């Protein structure tokens, strides 16, 4: 099972600070220690299956895999990032999402790109719908 990187930072306080200085002239200081635990990140590219053509305002089925179980996911169409957001949710226990979505009225005739984003924008997948008519 793959795991997402986890970073833990802890601050440790010197016992002198907690117990008080031995004499009034000595000073207590806190020391900071960091512990970094890193695990293998999931793959960056997600797999998307969707129709290559669609009718305007129709309902299409989108399937994606390569996610972690329970990972947040967003699906958009067009635009620089998400464009029109079509769906937000989480992956199932197998790291997959299957959803039927009605194309919004803002999607006109032509070529459009579906984009699926995982929990970070660097983890994504795209699929082009070559013809919406």
Protein backbone atom coordinates (compact mmCIF):
# COMPACT_ATOMS: atom_id res chain seq x y z
CA UNK A 1 0.00 0.00 0.00
CA UNK A 2 1.38 3.42 -0.96
CA UNK A 3 1.38 6.21 1.58
CA UNK A 4 1.40 9.97 1.20
CA UNK A 5 4.42 11.77 2.68
CA UNK A 6 4.03 12.80 6.29
CA UNK A 7 6.08 15.51 7.94
CA UNK A 8 6.17 15.89 11.70
CA UNK A 9 7.95 18.71 13.52
CA UNK A 10 8.23 18.77 17.29
CA UNK A 11 9.62 21.31 19.74
CA UNK A 12 11.41 19.94 22.76
CA UNK A 13 11.91 22.13 25.81
CA UNK A 14 15.04 21.84 27.88
CA UNK A 15 14.41 20.36 31.34
CA UNK A 16 16.14 23.44 32.79
CA UNK A 17 13.30 25.58 31.42
CA UNK A 18 10.68 23.37 33.05
CA UNK A 19 12.41 22.98 36.42
CA UNK A 20 13.84 26.48 36.60
CA UNK A 21 17.49 27.53 36.57
CA UNK A 22 19.86 26.28 39.24
CA UNK A 23 20.66 29.88 40.13
CA UNK A 24 19.18 33.23 39.17
CA UNK A 25 22.04 34.11 36.82
CA UNK A 26 21.78 31.10 34.51
CA UNK A 27 19.33 31.21 31.62
CA UNK A 28 17.19 28.46 30.20
CA UNK A 29 16.77 27.89 26.49
CA UNK A 30 14.45 25.80 24.41
CA UNK A 31 15.82 23.59 21.69
CA UNK A 32 13.94 22.64 18.56
CA UNK A 33 14.31 19.28 16.87
CA UNK A 34 12.60 18.20 13.68
CA UNK A 35 11.67 14.70 12.67
CA UNK A 36 10.83 14.16 9.01
CA UNK A 37 9.16 10.95 7.93
CA UNK A 38 8.78 10.52 4.17
CA UNK A 39 7.13 7.70 2.32
CA UNK A 40 6.74 6.97 -1.36
CA UNK A 41 4.29 9.34 -3.04
CA UNK A 42 1.61 7.97 -5.35
CA UNK A 43 2.19 8.26 -9.08
CA UNK A 44 1.64 11.71 -10.58
CA UNK A 45 -0.40 10.74 -13.63
CA UNK A 46 -3.97 9.57 -13.20
CA UNK A 47 -5.79 7.42 -15.75
CA UNK A 48 -9.09 8.72 -17.17
CA UNK A 49 -11.66 6.97 -19.33
CA UNK A 50 -14.37 9.10 -20.92
CA UNK A 51 -16.07 9.24 -24.31
CA UNK A 52 -14.14 10.91 -27.14
CA UNK A 53 -17.36 12.50 -28.47
CA UNK A 54 -20.47 13.78 -26.74
CA UNK A 55 -23.64 15.71 -27.41
CA UNK A 56 -24.07 19.16 -25.92
CA UNK A 57 -25.85 19.03 -22.51
CA UNK A 58 -25.61 15.20 -22.51
CA UNK A 59 -24.60 13.01 -19.59
CA UNK A 60 -21.19 11.33 -19.81
CA UNK A 61 -19.55 8.69 -17.63
CA UNK A 62 -16.03 9.40 -16.39
CA UNK A 63 -13.82 6.74 -14.78
CA UNK A 64 -10.46 7.44 -13.19
CA UNK A 65 -7.88 5.33 -11.37
CA UNK A 66 -4.49 5.79 -9.78
CA UNK A 67 -5.82 7.56 -6.68
CA UNK A 68 -5.28 6.54 -3.09
CA UNK A 69 -8.30 5.06 -1.26
CA UNK A 70 -10.36 7.92 0.16
CA UNK A 71 -8.28 10.56 -1.63
CA UNK A 72 -10.00 13.82 -2.56
CA UNK A 73 -10.62 14.28 -6.28
CA UNK A 74 -12.02 17.01 -8.52
CA UNK A 75 -13.10 16.80 -12.15
CA UNK A 76 -13.29 19.84 -14.41
CA UNK A 77 -13.73 20.61 -18.08
CA UNK A 78 -11.90 23.36 -19.99
CA UNK A 79 -10.03 26.26 -18.47
CA UNK A 80 -6.46 26.71 -17.26
CA UNK A 81 -6.92 24.71 -14.06
CA UNK A 82 -10.30 23.15 -13.34
CA UNK A 83 -12.39 25.27 -15.70
CA UNK A 84 -16.01 24.37 -15.00
CA UNK A 85 -16.00 22.09 -11.99
CA UNK A 86 -18.12 19.04 -12.74
CA UNK A 87 -17.52 16.89 -9.66
CA UNK A 88 -15.76 16.77 -6.29
CA UNK A 89 -15.60 13.72 -4.10
CA UNK A 90 -13.33 10.94 -2.89
CA UNK A 91 -11.90 7.78 -4.40
CA UNK A 92 -13.30 4.40 -3.39
CA UNK A 93 -11.31 1.77 -1.46
CA UNK A 94 -9.62 0.69 -4.72
CA UNK A 95 -8.50 4.24 -5.56
CA UNK A 96 -11.05 4.67 -8.34
CA UNK A 97 -13.88 7.06 -9.18
CA UNK A 98 -16.78 6.40 -11.55
CA UNK A 99 -19.28 9.17 -12.01
CA UNK A 100 -21.95 10.20 -14.54
CA UNK A 101 -22.02 13.93 -15.15
CA UNK A 102 -24.29 16.17 -17.21
CA UNK A 103 -22.23 18.56 -19.33
CA UNK A 104 -22.95 22.17 -18.28
CA UNK A 105 -24.56 24.67 -20.62
CA UNK A 106 -21.27 26.60 -20.71
CA UNK A 107 -19.74 23.76 -22.75
CA UNK A 108 -20.30 24.70 -26.37
CA UNK A 109 -19.54 22.84 -29.60
CA UNK A 110 -15.92 21.93 -30.22
CA UNK A 111 -12.96 20.26 -28.52
CA UNK A 112 -12.76 20.20 -24.72
CA UNK A 113 -10.37 18.76 -22.14
CA UNK A 114 -11.48 16.90 -19.03
CA UNK A 115 -9.06 17.18 -16.11
CA UNK A 116 -9.04 15.05 -12.98
CA UNK A 117 -7.08 16.45 -10.01
CA UNK A 118 -6.06 14.45 -6.97
CA UNK A 119 -5.24 15.93 -3.56
CA UNK A 120 -2.53 18.11 -5.13
CA UNK A 121 -2.70 19.93 -8.46
CA UNK A 122 0.51 18.19 -9.56
CA UNK A 123 -1.29 14.84 -9.55
CA UNK A 124 -3.69 14.95 -12.44
CA UNK A 125 -4.86 13.29 -15.61
CA UNK A 126 -6.47 14.65 -18.75
CA UNK A 127 -8.72 13.32 -21.50
CA UNK A 128 -9.76 15.24 -24.61
CA UNK A 129 -13.33 15.09 -25.83
CA UNK A 130 -12.61 15.66 -29.51
CA UNK A 131 -16.08 16.65 -30.55
CA UNK A 132 -18.98 18.03 -28.56
CA UNK A 133 -21.85 18.66 -30.95
